[in-house]
Amino acid sequence: MKKREVTQERINSLCNFCFLTADSNKKISAKSPSEYFTELIPQGEFAKILESNLMPLKKDIYEKNDYDSFLVKRAEAIISFLDKLV
């Protein structure tokens, strides 16, 4: 993301955090979502895995490397989840 001139503040957004194994994190470290999503996430379990991590389900966000939309949709998913807890 630094190559795309995304600010450090936006890179470190809480909405950009996801728990991954060290192995998975190493595999994706310098790649864009359009490169690693098909490798990392089994397509038969795409929705289940993304929902369990409160991530947007729209594949085009990842295919187009649309970080702005990702942050907005992820924030909406997190807020929706938290609203259900209270």
PDB file of N, CA and C in Angstrom:
ATOM      1  N   MET A   1       0.809  -1.184   0.000  1.00  0.00           N
ATOM      2  CA  MET A   1       0.000   0.000   0.000  1.00  0.00           C
ATOM      3  C   MET A   1       0.857   1.254   0.000  1.00  0.00           C
ATOM      4  N   LYS A   2       2.040   1.129   0.539  1.00  0.00           N
ATOM      5  CA  LYS A   2       2.927   2.289   0.525  1.00  0.00           C
ATOM      6  C   LYS A   2       3.254   2.693  -0.906  1.00  0.00           C
ATOM      7  N   LYS A   3       3.381   1.703  -1.790  1.00  0.00           N
ATOM      8  CA  LYS A   3       3.663   1.995  -3.194  1.00  0.00           C
ATOM      9  C   LYS A   3       2.513   2.757  -3.838  1.00  0.00           C
ATOM     10  N   ARG A   4       1.294   2.527  -3.342  1.00  0.00           N
ATOM     11  CA  ARG A   4       0.116   3.224  -3.856  1.00  0.00           C
ATOM     12  C   ARG A   4      -0.119   4.527  -3.108  1.00  0.00           C
ATOM     13  N   GLU A   5       0.851   4.903  -2.269  1.00  0.00           N
ATOM     14  CA  GLU A   5       0.842   6.155  -1.508  1.00  0.00           C
ATOM     15  C   GLU A   5      -0.335   6.252  -0.530  1.00  0.00           C
ATOM     16  N   VAL A   6      -0.688   5.111   0.071  1.00  0.00           N
ATOM     17  CA  VAL A   6      -1.678   5.110   1.138  1.00  0.00           C
ATOM     18  C   VAL A   6      -0.950   5.535   2.406  1.00  0.00           C
ATOM     19  N   THR A   7      -1.530   6.468   3.140  1.00  0.00           N
ATOM     20  CA  THR A   7      -0.866   6.973   4.341  1.00  0.00           C
ATOM     21  C   THR A   7      -0.746   5.883   5.405  1.00  0.00           C
ATOM     22  N   GLN A   8       0.247   6.019   6.232  1.00  0.00           N
ATOM     23  CA  GLN A   8       0.479   5.058   7.310  1.00  0.00           C
ATOM     24  C   GLN A   8      -0.737   4.976   8.239  1.00  0.00           C
ATOM     25  N   GLU A   9      -1.370   6.103   8.475  1.00  0.00           N
ATOM     26  CA  GLU A   9      -2.559   6.138   9.322  1.00  0.00           C
ATOM     27  C   GLU A   9      -3.674   5.258   8.751  1.00  0.00           C
ATOM     28  N   ARG A  10      -3.885   5.320   7.437  1.00  0.00           N
ATOM     29  CA  ARG A  10      -4.925   4.502   6.801  1.00  0.00           C
ATOM     30  C   ARG A  10      -4.506   3.039   6.720  1.00  0.00           C
ATOM     31  N   ILE A  11      -3.231   2.789   6.535  1.00  0.00           N
ATOM     32  CA  ILE A  11      -2.745   1.408   6.517  1.00  0.00           C
ATOM     33  C   ILE A  11      -2.980   0.763   7.877  1.00  0.00           C
ATOM     34  N   ASN A  12      -2.749   1.523   8.942  1.00  0.00           N
ATOM     35  CA  ASN A  12      -2.886   0.996  10.301  1.00  0.00           C
ATOM     36  C   ASN A  12      -4.299   1.124  10.854  1.00  0.00           C
ATOM     37  N   SER A  13      -5.264   1.409  10.000  1.00  0.00           N
ATOM     38  CA  SER A  13      -6.657   1.496  10.432  1.00  0.00           C
ATOM     39  C   SER A  13      -7.090   0.186  11.081  1.00  0.00           C
ATOM     40  N   LEU A  14      -7.847   0.286  12.145  1.00  0.00           N
ATOM     41  CA  LEU A  14      -8.385  -0.908  12.805  1.00  0.00           C
ATOM     42  C   LEU A  14      -9.158  -1.772  11.808  1.00  0.00           C
ATOM     43  N   CYS A  15      -9.779  -1.130  10.842  1.00  0.00           N
ATOM     44  CA  CYS A  15     -10.554  -1.866   9.835  1.00  0.00           C
ATOM     45  C   CYS A  15      -9.667  -2.678   8.886  1.00  0.00           C
ATOM     46  N   ASN A  16      -8.382  -2.471   8.939  1.00  0.00           N
ATOM     47  CA  ASN A  16      -7.462  -3.211   8.073  1.00  0.00           C
ATOM     48  C   ASN A  16      -6.796  -4.379   8.799  1.00  0.00           C
ATOM     49  N   PHE A  17      -7.159  -4.608  10.048  1.00  0.00           N
ATOM     50  CA  PHE A  17      -6.570  -5.706  10.801  1.00  0.00           C
ATOM     51  C   PHE A  17      -7.379  -6.982  10.618  1.00  0.00           C
ATOM     52  N   CYS A  18      -6.669  -8.088  10.467  1.00  0.00           N
ATOM     53  CA  CYS A  18      -7.308  -9.387  10.358  1.00  0.00           C
ATOM     54  C   CYS A  18      -6.338 -10.415  10.939  1.00  0.00           C
ATOM     55  N   PHE A  19      -6.868 -11.350  11.693  1.00  0.00           N
ATOM     56  CA  PHE A  19      -6.017 -12.388  12.265  1.00  0.00           C
ATOM     57  C   PHE A  19      -5.663 -13.410  11.193  1.00  0.00           C
ATOM     58  N   LEU A  20      -4.367 -13.606  10.999  1.00  0.00           N
ATOM     59  CA  LEU A  20      -3.851 -14.567  10.029  1.00  0.00           C
ATOM     60  C   LEU A  20      -2.744 -15.379  10.661  1.00  0.00           C
ATOM     61  N   THR A  21      -2.533 -16.543  10.114  1.00  0.00           N
ATOM     62  CA  THR A  21      -1.366 -17.311  10.550  1.00  0.00           C
ATOM     63  C   THR A  21      -0.125 -16.603  10.029  1.00  0.00           C
ATOM     64  N   ALA A  22       1.000 -16.829  10.666  1.00  0.00           N
ATOM     65  CA  ALA A  22       2.252 -16.216  10.217  1.00  0.00           C
ATOM     66  C   ALA A  22       2.560 -16.623   8.781  1.00  0.00           C
ATOM     67  N   ASP A  23       2.273 -17.882   8.445  1.00  0.00           N
ATOM     68  CA  ASP A  23       2.527 -18.379   7.098  1.00  0.00           C
ATOM     69  C   ASP A  23       1.693 -17.621   6.064  1.00  0.00           C
ATOM     70  N   SER A  24       0.406 -17.434   6.349  1.00  0.00           N
ATOM     71  CA  SER A  24      -0.465 -16.699   5.428  1.00  0.00           C
ATOM     72  C   SER A  24      -0.019 -15.248   5.305  1.00  0.00           C
ATOM     73  N   ASN A  25       0.350 -14.654   6.411  1.00  0.00           N
ATOM     74  CA  ASN A  25       0.789 -13.258   6.384  1.00  0.00           C
ATOM     75  C   ASN A  25       2.038 -13.089   5.521  1.00  0.00           C
ATOM     76  N   LYS A  26       2.957 -14.029   5.610  1.00  0.00           N
ATOM     77  CA  LYS A  26       4.170 -13.958   4.793  1.00  0.00           C
ATOM     78  C   LYS A  26       3.847 -14.097   3.306  1.00  0.00           C
ATOM     79  N   LYS A  27       2.872 -14.960   2.990  1.00  0.00           N
ATOM     80  CA  LYS A  27       2.498 -15.174   1.591  1.00  0.00           C
ATOM     81  C   LYS A  27       1.931 -13.917   0.943  1.00  0.00           C
ATOM     82  N   ILE A  28       1.249 -13.087   1.719  1.00  0.00           N
ATOM     83  CA  ILE A  28       0.575 -11.935   1.136  1.00  0.00           C
ATOM     84  C   ILE A  28       1.293 -10.612   1.371  1.00  0.00           C
ATOM     85  N   SER A  29       2.369 -10.619   2.098  1.00  0.00           N
ATOM     86  CA  SER A  29       2.985  -9.384   2.593  1.00  0.00           C
ATOM     87  C   SER A  29       3.176  -8.291   1.551  1.00  0.00           C
ATOM     88  N   ALA A  30       3.633  -8.588   0.378  1.00  0.00           N
ATOM     89  CA  ALA A  30       3.891  -7.538  -0.619  1.00  0.00           C
ATOM     90  C   ALA A  30       2.930  -7.633  -1.804  1.00  0.00           C
ATOM     91  N   LYS A  31       1.836  -8.366  -1.632  1.00  0.00           N
ATOM     92  CA  LYS A  31       0.885  -8.545  -2.729  1.00  0.00           C
ATOM     93  C   LYS A  31      -0.384  -7.735  -2.489  1.00  0.00           C
ATOM     94  N   SER A  32      -1.073  -7.458  -3.557  1.00  0.00           N
ATOM     95  CA  SER A  32      -2.361  -6.777  -3.455  1.00  0.00           C
ATOM     96  C   SER A  32      -3.467  -7.829  -3.322  1.00  0.00           C
ATOM     97  N   PRO A  33      -4.631  -7.430  -2.803  1.00  0.00           N
ATOM     98  CA  PRO A  33      -5.730  -8.392  -2.658  1.00  0.00           C
ATOM     99  C   PRO A  33      -6.090  -9.108  -3.960  1.00  0.00           C
ATOM    100  N   SER A  34      -6.005  -8.415  -5.075  1.00  0.00           N
ATOM    101  CA  SER A  34      -6.337  -9.058  -6.352  1.00  0.00           C
ATOM    102  C   SER A  34      -5.393 -10.224  -6.652  1.00  0.00           C
ATOM    103  N   GLU A  35      -4.205 -10.204  -6.076  1.00  0.00           N
ATOM    104  CA  GLU A  35      -3.237 -11.272  -6.284  1.00  0.00           C
ATOM    105  C   GLU A  35      -3.416 -12.424  -5.295  1.00  0.00           C
ATOM    106  N   TYR A  36      -3.740 -12.121  -4.040  1.00  0.00           N
ATOM    107  CA  TYR A  36      -3.724 -13.189  -3.045  1.00  0.00           C
ATOM    108  C   TYR A  36      -5.078 -13.743  -2.620  1.00  0.00           C
ATOM    109  N   PHE A  37      -6.166 -13.051  -2.894  1.00  0.00           N
ATOM    110  CA  PHE A  37      -7.454 -13.540  -2.406  1.00  0.00           C
ATOM    111  C   PHE A  37      -7.818 -14.889  -2.986  1.00  0.00           C
ATOM    112  N   THR A  38      -7.533 -15.117  -4.252  1.00  0.00           N
ATOM    113  CA  THR A  38      -7.870 -16.408  -4.853  1.00  0.00           C
ATOM    114  C   THR A  38      -6.954 -17.517  -4.335  1.00  0.00           C
ATOM    115  N   GLU A  39      -5.733 -17.175  -3.952  1.00  0.00           N
ATOM    116  CA  GLU A  39      -4.798 -18.156  -3.413  1.00  0.00           C
ATOM    117  C   GLU A  39      -5.118 -18.512  -1.965  1.00  0.00           C
ATOM    118  N   LEU A  40      -5.422 -17.507  -1.184  1.00  0.00           N
ATOM    119  CA  LEU A  40      -5.527 -17.649   0.261  1.00  0.00           C
ATOM    120  C   LEU A  40      -6.882 -18.168   0.723  1.00  0.00           C
ATOM    121  N   ILE A  41      -7.951 -17.758   0.060  1.00  0.00           N
ATOM    122  CA  ILE A  41      -9.290 -18.102   0.520  1.00  0.00           C
ATOM    123  C   ILE A  41      -9.916 -19.122  -0.420  1.00  0.00           C
ATOM    124  N   PRO A  42     -10.233 -20.304   0.099  1.00  0.00           N
ATOM    125  CA  PRO A  42     -10.907 -21.299  -0.747  1.00  0.00           C
ATOM    126  C   PRO A  42     -12.243 -20.739  -1.245  1.00  0.00           C
ATOM    127  N   GLN A  43     -12.449 -20.726  -2.544  1.00  0.00           N
ATOM    128  CA  GLN A  43     -13.627 -20.084  -3.120  1.00  0.00           C
ATOM    129  C   GLN A  43     -14.938 -20.709  -2.638  1.00  0.00           C
ATOM    130  N   GLY A  44     -14.938 -21.987  -2.298  1.00  0.00           N
ATOM    131  CA  GLY A  44     -16.136 -22.639  -1.777  1.00  0.00           C
ATOM    132  C   GLY A  44     -16.513 -22.160  -0.389  1.00  0.00           C
ATOM    133  N   GLU A  45     -15.572 -21.535   0.307  1.00  0.00           N
ATOM    134  CA  GLU A  45     -15.820 -21.048   1.664  1.00  0.00           C
ATOM    135  C   GLU A  45     -15.644 -19.531   1.767  1.00  0.00           C
ATOM    136  N   PHE A  46     -15.617 -18.866   0.617  1.00  0.00           N
ATOM    137  CA  PHE A  46     -15.346 -17.432   0.565  1.00  0.00           C
ATOM    138  C   PHE A  46     -16.263 -16.647   1.504  1.00  0.00           C
ATOM    139  N   ALA A  47     -17.581 -16.804   1.342  1.00  0.00           N
ATOM    140  CA  ALA A  47     -18.537 -16.031   2.147  1.00  0.00           C
ATOM    141  C   ALA A  47     -18.415 -16.360   3.626  1.00  0.00           C
ATOM    142  N   LYS A  48     -18.307 -17.625   3.943  1.00  0.00           N
ATOM    143  CA  LYS A  48     -18.215 -18.058   5.347  1.00  0.00           C
ATOM    144  C   LYS A  48     -16.989 -17.459   6.034  1.00  0.00           C
ATOM    145  N   ILE A  49     -15.864 -17.515   5.374  1.00  0.00           N
ATOM    146  CA  ILE A  49     -14.608 -17.013   5.948  1.00  0.00           C
ATOM    147  C   ILE A  49     -14.648 -15.497   6.093  1.00  0.00           C
ATOM    148  N   LEU A  50     -15.116 -14.811   5.060  1.00  0.00           N
ATOM    149  CA  LEU A  50     -15.177 -13.355   5.145  1.00  0.00           C
ATOM    150  C   LEU A  50     -16.181 -12.893   6.187  1.00  0.00           C
ATOM    151  N   GLU A  51     -17.343 -13.510   6.231  1.00  0.00           N
ATOM    152  CA  GLU A  51     -18.347 -13.132   7.241  1.00  0.00           C
ATOM    153  C   GLU A  51     -17.815 -13.342   8.650  1.00  0.00           C
ATOM    154  N   SER A  52     -17.121 -14.436   8.882  1.00  0.00           N
ATOM    155  CA  SER A  52     -16.604 -14.716  10.227  1.00  0.00           C
ATOM    156  C   SER A  52     -15.514 -13.733  10.643  1.00  0.00           C
ATOM    157  N   ASN A  53     -14.938 -13.021   9.669  1.00  0.00           N
ATOM    158  CA  ASN A  53     -13.919 -12.011   9.950  1.00  0.00           C
ATOM    159  C   ASN A  53     -14.452 -10.595   9.765  1.00  0.00           C
ATOM    160  N   LEU A  54     -15.781 -10.474   9.629  1.00  0.00           N
ATOM    161  CA  LEU A  54     -16.438  -9.174   9.465  1.00  0.00           C
ATOM    162  C   LEU A  54     -15.874  -8.396   8.288  1.00  0.00           C
ATOM    163  N   MET A  55     -15.671  -9.102   7.186  1.00  0.00           N
ATOM    164  CA  MET A  55     -15.109  -8.478   5.994  1.00  0.00           C
ATOM    165  C   MET A  55     -16.167  -8.385   4.903  1.00  0.00           C
ATOM    166  N   PRO A  56     -16.055  -7.380   4.025  1.00  0.00           N
ATOM    167  CA  PRO A  56     -17.023  -7.229   2.936  1.00  0.00           C
ATOM    168  C   PRO A  56     -17.058  -8.471   2.041  1.00  0.00           C
ATOM    169  N   LEU A  57     -18.245  -8.795   1.561  1.00  0.00           N
ATOM    170  CA  LEU A  57     -18.411  -9.976   0.714  1.00  0.00           C
ATOM    171  C   LEU A  57     -18.267  -9.678  -0.776  1.00  0.00           C
ATOM    172  N   LYS A  58     -18.332  -8.408  -1.144  1.00  0.00           N
ATOM    173  CA  LYS A  58     -18.254  -8.053  -2.563  1.00  0.00           C
ATOM    174  C   LYS A  58     -16.855  -8.348  -3.106  1.00  0.00           C
ATOM    175  N   LYS A  59     -16.767  -9.334  -3.988  1.00  0.00           N
ATOM    176  CA  LYS A  59     -15.468  -9.733  -4.538  1.00  0.00           C
ATOM    177  C   LYS A  59     -14.789  -8.620  -5.321  1.00  0.00           C
ATOM    178  N   ASP A  60     -15.585  -7.747  -5.936  1.00  0.00           N
ATOM    179  CA  ASP A  60     -14.973  -6.710  -6.771  1.00  0.00           C
ATOM    180  C   ASP A  60     -14.123  -5.739  -5.958  1.00  0.00           C
ATOM    181  N   ILE A  61     -14.403  -5.600  -4.668  1.00  0.00           N
ATOM    182  CA  ILE A  61     -13.555  -4.757  -3.809  1.00  0.00           C
ATOM    183  C   ILE A  61     -12.126  -5.286  -3.807  1.00  0.00           C
ATOM    184  N   TYR A  62     -12.004  -6.596  -3.737  1.00  0.00           N
ATOM    185  CA  TYR A  62     -10.687  -7.233  -3.692  1.00  0.00           C
ATOM    186  C   TYR A  62     -10.074  -7.332  -5.089  1.00  0.00           C
ATOM    187  N   GLU A  63     -10.906  -7.647  -6.074  1.00  0.00           N
ATOM    188  CA  GLU A  63     -10.413  -7.767  -7.445  1.00  0.00           C
ATOM    189  C   GLU A  63      -9.877  -6.443  -7.979  1.00  0.00           C
ATOM    190  N   LYS A  64     -10.493  -5.335  -7.547  1.00  0.00           N
ATOM    191  CA  LYS A  64     -10.088  -4.004  -8.010  1.00  0.00           C
ATOM    192  C   LYS A  64      -9.127  -3.320  -7.037  1.00  0.00           C
ATOM    193  N   ASN A  65      -8.758  -4.019  -5.966  1.00  0.00           N
ATOM    194  CA  ASN A  65      -7.884  -3.433  -4.939  1.00  0.00           C
ATOM    195  C   ASN A  65      -8.440  -2.098  -4.450  1.00  0.00           C
ATOM    196  N   ASP A  66      -9.739  -2.070  -4.206  1.00  0.00           N
ATOM    197  CA  ASP A  66     -10.445  -0.845  -3.823  1.00  0.00           C
ATOM    198  C   ASP A  66     -10.379  -0.666  -2.301  1.00  0.00           C
ATOM    199  N   TYR A  67      -9.271  -0.132  -1.845  1.00  0.00           N
ATOM    200  CA  TYR A  67      -9.027  -0.008  -0.408  1.00  0.00           C
ATOM    201  C   TYR A  67     -10.016   0.942   0.260  1.00  0.00           C
ATOM    202  N   ASP A  68     -10.386   2.017  -0.428  1.00  0.00           N
ATOM    203  CA  ASP A  68     -11.343   2.964   0.153  1.00  0.00           C
ATOM    204  C   ASP A  68     -12.680   2.286   0.425  1.00  0.00           C
ATOM    205  N   SER A  69     -13.203   1.559  -0.555  1.00  0.00           N
ATOM    206  CA  SER A  69     -14.466   0.840  -0.360  1.00  0.00           C
ATOM    207  C   SER A  69     -14.323  -0.236   0.702  1.00  0.00           C
ATOM    208  N   PHE A  70     -13.176  -0.898   0.714  1.00  0.00           N
ATOM    209  CA  PHE A  70     -12.932  -1.924   1.723  1.00  0.00           C
ATOM    210  C   PHE A  70     -13.045  -1.341   3.130  1.00  0.00           C
ATOM    211  N   LEU A  71     -12.378  -0.210   3.372  1.00  0.00           N
ATOM    212  CA  LEU A  71     -12.424   0.398   4.709  1.00  0.00           C
ATOM    213  C   LEU A  71     -13.844   0.782   5.108  1.00  0.00           C
ATOM    214  N   VAL A  72     -14.595   1.349   4.186  1.00  0.00           N
ATOM    215  CA  VAL A  72     -15.974   1.753   4.479  1.00  0.00           C
ATOM    216  C   VAL A  72     -16.836   0.535   4.783  1.00  0.00           C
ATOM    217  N   LYS A  73     -16.788  -0.469   3.922  1.00  0.00           N
ATOM    218  CA  LYS A  73     -17.621  -1.666   4.099  1.00  0.00           C
ATOM    219  C   LYS A  73     -17.206  -2.462   5.330  1.00  0.00           C
ATOM    220  N   ARG A  74     -15.924  -2.518   5.604  1.00  0.00           N
ATOM    221  CA  ARG A  74     -15.461  -3.240   6.794  1.00  0.00           C
ATOM    222  C   ARG A  74     -15.904  -2.515   8.049  1.00  0.00           C
ATOM    223  N   ALA A  75     -15.825  -1.188   8.057  1.00  0.00           N
ATOM    224  CA  ALA A  75     -16.295  -0.412   9.199  1.00  0.00           C
ATOM    225  C   ALA A  75     -17.784  -0.644   9.418  1.00  0.00           C
ATOM    226  N   GLU A  76     -18.554  -0.677   8.341  1.00  0.00           N
ATOM    227  CA  GLU A  76     -19.990  -0.938   8.458  1.00  0.00           C
ATOM    228  C   GLU A  76     -20.257  -2.317   9.057  1.00  0.00           C
ATOM    229  N   ALA A  77     -19.498  -3.315   8.633  1.00  0.00           N
ATOM    230  CA  ALA A  77     -19.677  -4.675   9.153  1.00  0.00           C
ATOM    231  C   ALA A  77     -19.324  -4.744  10.636  1.00  0.00           C
ATOM    232  N   ILE A  78     -18.260  -4.084  11.025  1.00  0.00           N
ATOM    233  CA  ILE A  78     -17.839  -4.082  12.430  1.00  0.00           C
ATOM    234  C   ILE A  78     -18.872  -3.360  13.289  1.00  0.00           C
ATOM    235  N   ILE A  79     -19.347  -2.215  12.829  1.00  0.00           N
ATOM    236  CA  ILE A  79     -20.351  -1.459  13.584  1.00  0.00           C
ATOM    237  C   ILE A  79     -21.643  -2.261  13.708  1.00  0.00           C
ATOM    238  N   SER A  80     -22.055  -2.905  12.640  1.00  0.00           N
ATOM    239  CA  SER A  80     -23.271  -3.727  12.672  1.00  0.00           C
ATOM    240  C   SER A  80     -23.137  -4.851  13.686  1.00  0.00           C
ATOM    241  N   PHE A  81     -21.987  -5.497  13.692  1.00  0.00           N
ATOM    242  CA  PHE A  81     -21.728  -6.582  14.645  1.00  0.00           C
ATOM    243  C   PHE A  81     -21.779  -6.054  16.085  1.00  0.00           C
ATOM    244  N   LEU A  82     -21.131  -4.939  16.326  1.00  0.00           N
ATOM    245  CA  LEU A  82     -21.105  -4.354  17.683  1.00  0.00           C
ATOM    246  C   LEU A  82     -22.496  -3.899  18.123  1.00  0.00           C
ATOM    247  N   ASP A  83     -23.279  -3.349  17.195  1.00  0.00           N
ATOM    248  CA  ASP A  83     -24.636  -2.926  17.520  1.00  0.00           C
ATOM    249  C   ASP A  83     -25.489  -4.100  18.009  1.00  0.00           C
ATOM    250  N   LYS A  84     -25.267  -5.265  17.443  1.00  0.00           N
ATOM    251  CA  LYS A  84     -26.026  -6.456  17.852  1.00  0.00           C
ATOM    252  C   LYS A  84     -25.652  -6.925  19.261  1.00  0.00           C
ATOM    253  N   LEU A  85     -24.482  -6.532  19.715  1.00  0.00           N
ATOM    254  CA  LEU A  85     -24.024  -6.958  21.056  1.00  0.00           C
ATOM    255  C   LEU A  85     -24.625  -6.120  22.170  1.00  0.00           C
ATOM    256  N   VAL A  86     -25.082  -4.923  21.860  1.00  0.00           N
ATOM    257  CA  VAL A  86     -25.624  -4.048  22.909  1.00  0.00           C
ATOM    258  C   VAL A  86     -27.128  -3.986  22.904  1.00  0.00           C
TER     259      VAL A  86
END
